[in-house]
Amino acid sequence: MKKKPKDMSLREISLEDLQKRCKENPKELGNVLDLLHRYSALDRLDDALALCRSMMKAHSRTYSFLLEFANVLYKRGDLREARMIFGRLTELKPERVEAWNNLGILELSAGAIEAANTAFRRVLEIEPNNLGALCNTGNYFAERGDAGVAATYFERAIEAKPDFTEAWYNLGNSYMSLSQFSEAKRAFEKAIRYDKLFGSAYKNLGFVCEQLDDDARALECYTTAASLNRTDAGIQANMAGIYMRAGQYGKALECGRRAAMLAPSESSSWHALRGAAIQLGDGQAYYRAITALIKSISDDDLACGISDLREMGFAREAEELVEYSVKINRADTTAADSQSFVESKAPELDGDEVAKQKNKIIVDRKTAIRMDVVP
């Protein structure tokens, strides 16, 4: 007698087979939800939305279908319609937590933090240990600047689930906001323990280690974070600061260049490049940095930058900077007077202070808990 074959898992079923099942038996809710989940996993949100609209008549009062419909709308950025459906679900089944939780996430992402808190508070009334609501309520208080209160919710979430990576990470952010760096270090290390590819946790751990005067460990963390997120200019800027303190100006310059390339609109990127360039006498890099920063730095800084360029033998670039300063009205003078202006300012400045690279606090915001779905 032949053995009965095992049922295939949803992962093993092809998209074409899921589409076929749904087409052959559209009234079977399981077929519809399976296809919706697959479309969402593939980020085929237009297909998911089209399916939702085509099935609305058959499943218009089915909680799980409407929940997934609203989730698709949220992912597409259609917040108004998603909010309406989540609200309808909270009225349809007020004791179910999924719609309340997802409504809270929507409101949090829209910046309506009070409305978000109302939704999460309702979830906790129904399920006091709901992990998503605990973490998102913590996010609400963090958004309000109440880091101490936020930490208590993240701690409750961790008590309920000790390997809750996002809660450990958010707890680390709260401790960091409170300048409790040793506690923050422990929390970020826990987050990394449970997710070894958590780039933001490595980055924030690096920053915390800097505050604890452990540059060696900070550099290790930044290096790992950079390998996990090659587009994050903030990591490069912070690494440049460490290399500057260590006197490794060549490496600082490399990091500064990468930061400027990745985020040319971020002043921290150009500050990183400027600090290393002056130490190495790289006038071209220094000129690029000062030009990029010209609208944000002080008159004293600008004057010193022009003076530095002259001292490095880049007189033409210095004069171009003077002319540009006048053109954008950095000094309400003629071009000739502008040169006198910068020369009069330069002796008042401490060149060593200008050469220092001040490390900017660059930390990632908390992660959001994913929306609930009904399997």
Protein backbone atom coordinates (compact mmCIF):
# COMPACT_ATOMS: atom_id res chain seq x y z
CA MET A 1 0.00 0.00 0.00
CA LYS A 2 1.41 3.37 -1.05
CA LYS A 3 2.00 6.01 1.57
CA LYS A 4 -0.15 9.08 1.32
CA PRO A 5 2.03 12.02 0.20
CA LYS A 6 2.52 14.76 2.72
CA ASP A 7 0.67 18.01 2.13
CA MET A 8 2.84 20.65 0.54
CA SER A 9 3.67 23.69 2.63
CA LEU A 10 2.59 27.08 1.35
CA ARG A 11 6.22 27.93 0.50
CA GLU A 12 6.44 24.96 -1.82
CA ILE A 13 3.36 25.97 -3.80
CA SER A 14 4.17 28.07 -6.83
CA LEU A 15 2.61 31.45 -7.45
CA GLU A 16 0.91 30.04 -10.54
CA ASP A 17 -0.73 27.28 -8.50
CA LEU A 18 -1.92 29.79 -5.88
CA GLN A 19 -3.42 31.93 -8.63
CA LYS A 20 -5.11 28.89 -10.14
CA ARG A 21 -6.60 27.82 -6.79
CA CYS A 22 -7.94 31.30 -6.15
CA LYS A 23 -9.45 31.54 -9.63
CA GLU A 24 -11.10 28.12 -9.39
CA ASN A 25 -12.55 28.65 -5.93
CA PRO A 26 -12.64 32.39 -5.08
CA LYS A 27 -15.13 31.89 -2.26
CA GLU A 28 -12.60 29.80 -0.35
CA LEU A 29 -11.06 32.43 1.94
CA GLY A 30 -7.89 30.42 2.52
CA ASN A 31 -7.04 30.53 -1.19
CA VAL A 32 -7.51 34.30 -1.29
CA LEU A 33 -5.39 34.92 1.82
CA ASP A 34 -2.63 32.60 0.64
CA LEU A 35 -2.36 34.48 -2.64
CA LEU A 36 -2.48 37.86 -0.90
CA HIS A 37 0.31 36.85 1.45
CA ARG A 38 2.42 35.66 -1.49
CA TYR A 39 1.86 38.88 -3.43
CA SER A 40 2.83 40.91 -0.36
CA ALA A 41 5.95 38.81 0.22
CA LEU A 42 6.96 39.46 -3.40
CA ASP A 43 6.17 43.18 -3.03
CA ARG A 44 3.61 42.88 -5.84
CA LEU A 45 1.30 45.30 -4.12
CA ASP A 46 -0.61 46.37 -7.21
CA ASP A 47 -1.55 42.74 -7.86
CA ALA A 48 -2.49 42.33 -4.21
CA LEU A 49 -4.69 45.42 -4.31
CA ALA A 50 -6.41 44.29 -7.52
CA LEU A 51 -7.12 40.92 -5.90
CA CYS A 52 -8.55 42.60 -2.80
CA ARG A 53 -10.89 44.77 -4.81
CA SER A 54 -12.05 41.86 -6.96
CA MET A 55 -12.83 39.78 -3.84
CA MET A 56 -14.43 42.56 -1.81
CA LYS A 57 -17.99 41.56 -2.66
CA ALA A 58 -17.49 37.95 -1.59
CA HIS A 59 -15.63 38.73 1.66
CA SER A 60 -16.78 42.22 2.63
CA ARG A 61 -17.55 41.25 6.24
CA THR A 62 -14.71 38.81 6.82
CA TYR A 63 -12.25 40.11 9.42
CA SER A 64 -9.12 38.39 8.15
CA PHE A 65 -9.73 39.48 4.55
CA LEU A 66 -10.39 43.09 5.48
CA LEU A 67 -7.33 43.10 7.73
CA GLU A 68 -5.11 41.97 4.85
CA PHE A 69 -6.83 44.45 2.50
CA ALA A 70 -5.97 47.30 4.87
CA ASN A 71 -2.40 45.99 5.27
CA VAL A 72 -1.92 46.12 1.50
CA LEU A 73 -3.27 49.67 1.38
CA TYR A 74 -0.91 50.70 4.16
CA LYS A 75 2.12 49.21 2.40
CA ARG A 76 1.16 51.09 -0.77
CA GLY A 77 0.90 54.36 1.18
CA ASP A 78 -2.89 54.65 0.88
CA LEU A 79 -3.22 55.65 4.53
CA ARG A 80 -6.67 57.24 4.38
CA GLU A 81 -8.40 54.14 3.03
CA ALA A 82 -6.32 51.81 5.21
CA ARG A 83 -7.24 53.85 8.30
CA MET A 84 -10.92 53.62 7.37
CA ILE A 85 -10.82 49.82 7.06
CA PHE A 86 -8.83 49.32 10.28
CA GLY A 87 -11.35 51.54 12.04
CA ARG A 88 -14.22 49.51 10.63
CA LEU A 89 -12.59 46.32 11.93
CA THR A 90 -12.20 47.73 15.45
CA GLU A 91 -15.96 48.30 15.40
CA LEU A 92 -16.72 44.95 13.80
CA LYS A 93 -14.72 42.99 16.41
CA PRO A 94 -13.53 45.35 19.16
CA GLU A 95 -11.98 42.50 21.17
CA ARG A 96 -9.60 41.45 18.39
CA VAL A 97 -6.16 43.01 18.73
CA GLU A 98 -4.88 42.83 15.15
CA ALA A 99 -6.77 45.82 13.76
CA TRP A 100 -6.06 47.94 16.84
CA ASN A 101 -2.35 47.14 16.60
CA ASN A 102 -2.14 47.82 12.87
CA LEU A 103 -4.11 51.03 13.25
CA GLY A 104 -1.60 52.13 15.87
CA ILE A 105 1.32 51.39 13.54
CA LEU A 106 -0.35 53.37 10.77
CA GLU A 107 -0.92 56.37 13.03
CA LEU A 108 2.64 56.18 14.36
CA SER A 109 4.04 56.19 10.83
CA ALA A 110 1.79 59.14 9.95
CA GLY A 111 3.08 61.12 12.95
CA ALA A 112 -0.27 60.99 14.77
CA ILE A 113 1.33 59.70 17.95
CA GLU A 114 -1.62 60.40 20.25
CA ALA A 115 -3.97 58.42 18.02
CA ALA A 116 -1.33 55.69 17.87
CA ASN A 117 -1.11 55.55 21.65
CA THR A 118 -4.88 55.24 21.94
CA ALA A 119 -4.82 52.20 19.66
CA PHE A 120 -1.88 50.53 21.42
CA ARG A 121 -3.43 51.18 24.83
CA ARG A 122 -6.55 49.34 23.65
CA VAL A 123 -4.40 46.38 22.57
CA LEU A 124 -2.82 46.21 26.02
CA GLU A 125 -6.23 46.33 27.67
CA ILE A 126 -7.13 43.20 25.70
CA GLU A 127 -3.69 41.51 25.88
CA PRO A 128 -1.45 43.03 28.59
CA ASN A 129 1.61 41.11 27.33
CA ASN A 130 1.11 41.77 23.62
CA LEU A 131 4.68 42.15 22.38
CA GLY A 132 3.91 44.44 19.47
CA ALA A 133 1.81 46.82 21.56
CA LEU A 134 4.38 46.93 24.36
CA CYS A 135 7.15 47.78 21.93
CA ASN A 136 5.08 50.30 19.99
CA THR A 137 3.85 51.96 23.18
CA GLY A 138 7.51 52.31 24.09
CA ASN A 139 8.06 53.89 20.68
CA TYR A 140 5.22 56.31 21.41
CA PHE A 141 6.85 57.52 24.64
CA ALA A 142 10.26 57.67 22.92
CA GLU A 143 8.71 59.86 20.22
CA ARG A 144 7.42 62.16 22.94
CA GLY A 145 10.86 62.36 24.48
CA ASP A 146 9.94 60.29 27.56
CA ALA A 147 12.85 57.86 27.27
CA GLY A 148 12.53 56.66 30.87
CA VAL A 149 8.89 55.66 30.45
CA ALA A 150 9.66 54.15 27.04
CA ALA A 151 12.31 51.93 28.62
CA THR A 152 9.78 50.41 31.02
CA TYR A 153 7.66 49.16 28.11
CA PHE A 154 10.64 47.70 26.28
CA GLU A 155 11.67 45.97 29.51
CA ARG A 156 8.17 44.48 29.85
CA ALA A 157 8.39 43.19 26.29
CA ILE A 158 11.78 41.61 27.01
CA GLU A 159 10.45 40.03 30.19
CA ALA A 160 7.73 38.38 28.10
CA LYS A 161 10.16 37.40 25.32
CA PRO A 162 13.85 37.48 26.35
CA ASP A 163 15.09 37.12 22.75
CA PHE A 164 12.95 39.99 21.43
CA THR A 165 15.57 41.69 19.25
CA GLU A 166 13.64 44.88 18.45
CA ALA A 167 12.84 45.48 22.12
CA TRP A 168 16.50 45.15 23.10
CA TYR A 169 17.46 47.57 20.33
CA ASN A 170 14.81 50.11 21.30
CA LEU A 171 15.77 49.76 24.94
CA GLY A 172 19.35 50.58 23.96
CA ASN A 173 18.13 53.72 22.18
CA SER A 174 16.21 54.77 25.30
CA TYR A 175 19.23 54.29 27.56
CA MET A 176 21.33 56.19 25.03
CA SER A 177 18.87 59.11 25.18
CA LEU A 178 19.24 59.04 28.96
CA SER A 179 23.06 59.02 28.64
CA GLN A 180 23.13 55.69 30.43
CA PHE A 181 25.77 54.36 28.08
CA SER A 182 26.80 51.23 29.97
CA GLU A 183 23.18 50.06 30.05
CA ALA A 184 22.76 50.98 26.39
CA LYS A 185 25.87 48.96 25.51
CA ARG A 186 24.43 45.87 27.18
CA ALA A 187 21.09 46.29 25.39
CA PHE A 188 22.67 46.67 21.94
CA GLU A 189 24.91 43.67 22.57
CA LYS A 190 21.80 41.64 23.39
CA ALA A 191 20.14 42.79 20.16
CA ILE A 192 23.21 41.67 18.20
CA ARG A 193 23.31 38.37 20.07
CA TYR A 194 19.84 37.54 18.75
CA ASP A 195 20.39 39.04 15.28
CA LYS A 196 24.00 39.00 14.13
CA LEU A 197 23.09 40.94 10.96
CA PHE A 198 21.46 43.88 12.77
CA GLY A 199 23.44 46.71 11.20
CA SER A 200 21.75 49.54 13.10
CA ALA A 201 22.49 47.84 16.42
CA TYR A 202 26.19 47.59 15.52
CA LYS A 203 26.19 51.25 14.52
CA ASN A 204 24.57 52.45 17.74
CA LEU A 205 26.78 50.16 19.80
CA GLY A 206 29.75 51.82 18.12
CA PHE A 207 28.51 55.23 19.14
CA VAL A 208 27.95 54.09 22.73
CA CYS A 209 31.46 52.63 22.89
CA GLU A 210 32.82 56.02 21.80
CA GLN A 211 31.04 57.64 24.72
CA LEU A 212 32.65 55.05 26.99
CA ASP A 213 36.10 55.93 25.55
CA ASP A 214 36.50 52.56 23.90
CA ASP A 215 37.47 53.63 20.40
CA ALA A 216 38.88 50.22 19.47
CA ARG A 217 35.58 48.48 20.14
CA ALA A 218 33.67 51.33 18.51
CA LEU A 219 35.72 50.96 15.33
CA GLU A 220 35.02 47.21 15.26
CA CYS A 221 31.29 47.89 15.52
CA TYR A 222 31.34 50.61 12.86
CA THR A 223 33.30 48.37 10.51
CA THR A 224 30.73 45.61 10.86
CA ALA A 225 27.86 48.09 10.51
CA ALA A 226 29.44 49.49 7.33
CA SER A 227 29.71 46.02 5.83
CA LEU A 228 26.01 45.47 6.52
CA ASN A 229 24.93 48.89 5.28
CA ARG A 230 27.30 50.25 2.67
CA THR A 231 25.12 53.30 1.96
CA ASP A 232 25.13 54.77 5.48
CA ALA A 233 27.24 57.92 5.39
CA GLY A 234 26.88 58.44 9.14
CA ILE A 235 28.93 55.33 9.85
CA GLN A 236 31.74 56.63 7.65
CA ALA A 237 31.65 60.06 9.32
CA ASN A 238 31.89 58.49 12.77
CA MET A 239 34.74 56.24 11.68
CA ALA A 240 36.56 59.30 10.36
CA GLY A 241 36.30 60.84 13.81
CA ILE A 242 37.94 57.81 15.42
CA TYR A 243 40.74 57.74 12.87
CA MET A 244 41.32 61.45 13.43
CA ARG A 245 41.73 60.91 17.17
CA ALA A 246 44.16 58.08 16.45
CA GLY A 247 46.19 60.28 14.09
CA GLN A 248 45.43 57.99 11.12
CA TYR A 249 44.58 60.87 8.82
CA GLY A 250 44.79 58.90 5.59
CA LYS A 251 42.08 56.52 6.74
CA ALA A 252 40.06 59.44 8.08
CA LEU A 253 40.27 61.08 4.66
CA GLU A 254 39.07 57.90 2.95
CA CYS A 255 36.07 57.70 5.28
CA GLY A 256 35.35 61.38 4.82
CA ARG A 257 35.36 60.98 1.05
CA ARG A 258 33.02 58.01 1.24
CA ALA A 259 30.68 59.92 3.56
CA ALA A 260 30.61 62.92 1.22
CA MET A 261 29.93 60.69 -1.76
CA LEU A 262 27.11 58.84 0.00
CA ALA A 263 25.43 61.89 1.54
CA PRO A 264 26.54 65.12 -0.14
CA SER A 265 23.74 67.06 1.53
CA GLU A 266 24.83 66.08 5.05
CA SER A 267 27.16 68.59 6.72
CA SER A 268 28.65 65.85 8.91
CA SER A 269 30.02 64.19 5.78
CA TRP A 270 31.89 67.33 4.73
CA HIS A 271 33.11 68.08 8.26
CA ALA A 272 34.66 64.62 8.29
CA LEU A 273 36.38 65.29 4.97
CA ARG A 274 37.54 68.78 5.99
CA GLY A 275 39.16 67.66 9.25
CA ALA A 276 41.29 65.01 7.56
CA ALA A 277 42.11 67.10 4.50
CA ILE A 278 43.74 69.91 6.46
CA GLN A 279 45.90 67.47 8.41
CA LEU A 280 47.19 65.95 5.16
CA GLY A 281 47.48 69.25 3.31
CA ASP A 282 45.00 68.06 0.68
CA GLY A 283 43.87 71.46 -0.56
CA GLN A 284 41.52 70.14 -3.21
CA ALA A 285 39.56 68.01 -0.72
CA TYR A 286 39.60 70.86 1.79
CA TYR A 287 38.32 73.30 -0.83
CA ARG A 288 35.48 70.93 -1.77
CA ALA A 289 34.50 70.57 1.88
CA ILE A 290 34.53 74.30 2.65
CA THR A 291 32.56 75.04 -0.52
CA ALA A 292 29.93 72.46 0.43
CA LEU A 293 29.71 73.86 3.97
CA ILE A 294 29.83 77.54 3.06
CA LYS A 295 26.17 78.25 3.78
CA SER A 296 26.19 76.57 7.19
CA ILE A 297 29.54 77.39 8.83
CA SER A 298 30.22 80.58 10.78
CA ASP A 299 32.00 83.62 9.39
CA ASP A 300 35.01 82.76 11.53
CA ASP A 301 35.09 79.22 10.15
CA LEU A 302 34.80 80.48 6.60
CA ALA A 303 37.54 83.05 7.11
CA CYS A 304 39.81 80.42 8.61
CA GLY A 305 39.07 78.06 5.73
CA ILE A 306 40.15 80.66 3.17
CA SER A 307 43.28 81.43 5.19
CA ASP A 308 44.12 77.72 5.44
CA LEU A 309 43.86 77.30 1.69
CA ARG A 310 46.36 80.14 1.18
CA GLU A 311 48.77 78.59 3.69
CA MET A 312 48.51 75.23 1.90
CA GLY A 313 49.48 76.91 -1.38
CA PHE A 314 46.03 76.89 -2.94
CA ALA A 315 45.75 80.63 -3.52
CA ARG A 316 43.51 80.30 -6.59
CA GLU A 317 40.99 78.17 -4.71
CA ALA A 318 41.13 80.63 -1.81
CA GLU A 319 40.27 83.54 -4.10
CA GLU A 320 37.47 81.55 -5.74
CA LEU A 321 36.06 80.95 -2.27
CA VAL A 322 36.27 84.67 -1.51
CA GLU A 323 34.42 85.49 -4.73
CA TYR A 324 31.79 82.85 -4.06
CA SER A 325 31.33 84.14 -0.50
CA VAL A 326 30.57 87.60 -1.88
CA LYS A 327 28.29 86.18 -4.57
CA ILE A 328 26.07 84.46 -2.00
CA ASN A 329 26.20 87.45 0.35
CA ARG A 330 28.21 85.82 3.11
CA ALA A 331 29.81 89.25 3.63
CA ASP A 332 28.06 92.49 2.73
CA THR A 333 31.17 93.96 1.10
CA THR A 334 32.92 94.28 -2.22
CA ALA A 335 35.27 91.53 -3.34
CA ALA A 336 38.29 93.59 -2.28
CA ASP A 337 36.86 94.32 1.13
CA SER A 338 35.94 90.67 1.51
CA GLN A 339 39.59 89.69 1.30
CA SER A 340 40.42 92.17 4.06
CA PHE A 341 37.53 90.77 6.04
CA VAL A 342 38.84 87.21 5.99
CA GLU A 343 42.39 88.33 6.69
CA SER A 344 41.25 90.29 9.71
CA LYS A 345 39.34 87.31 11.03
CA ALA A 346 42.03 84.70 10.54
CA PRO A 347 44.40 85.80 13.35
CA GLU A 348 41.55 85.49 15.88
CA LEU A 349 41.10 81.79 15.22
CA ASP A 350 42.76 78.77 16.72
CA GLY A 351 43.90 76.64 13.81
CA ASP A 352 44.09 73.50 15.96
CA GLU A 353 40.44 73.81 16.90
CA VAL A 354 39.40 74.12 13.28
CA ALA A 355 41.42 71.03 12.41
CA LYS A 356 39.63 68.87 14.94
CA GLN A 357 36.93 66.56 13.63
CA LYS A 358 33.90 66.74 15.87
CA ASN A 359 32.03 63.47 15.76
CA LYS A 360 28.34 64.01 15.14
CA ILE A 361 25.79 61.97 17.04
CA ILE A 362 24.22 59.86 14.31
CA VAL A 363 21.95 57.10 15.54
CA ASP A 364 19.11 55.28 13.89
CA ARG A 365 15.55 55.63 14.99
CA LYS A 366 13.74 52.71 16.54
CA THR A 367 12.36 49.95 14.39
CA ALA A 368 8.63 49.50 13.92
CA ILE A 369 6.95 46.22 14.74
CA ARG A 370 5.47 44.61 11.66
CA MET A 371 1.74 44.61 11.12
CA ASP A 372 -0.35 41.70 12.30
CA VAL A 373 -1.88 39.32 9.80
CA VAL A 374 -4.25 36.43 10.31
CA PRO A 375 -2.73 33.20 8.95
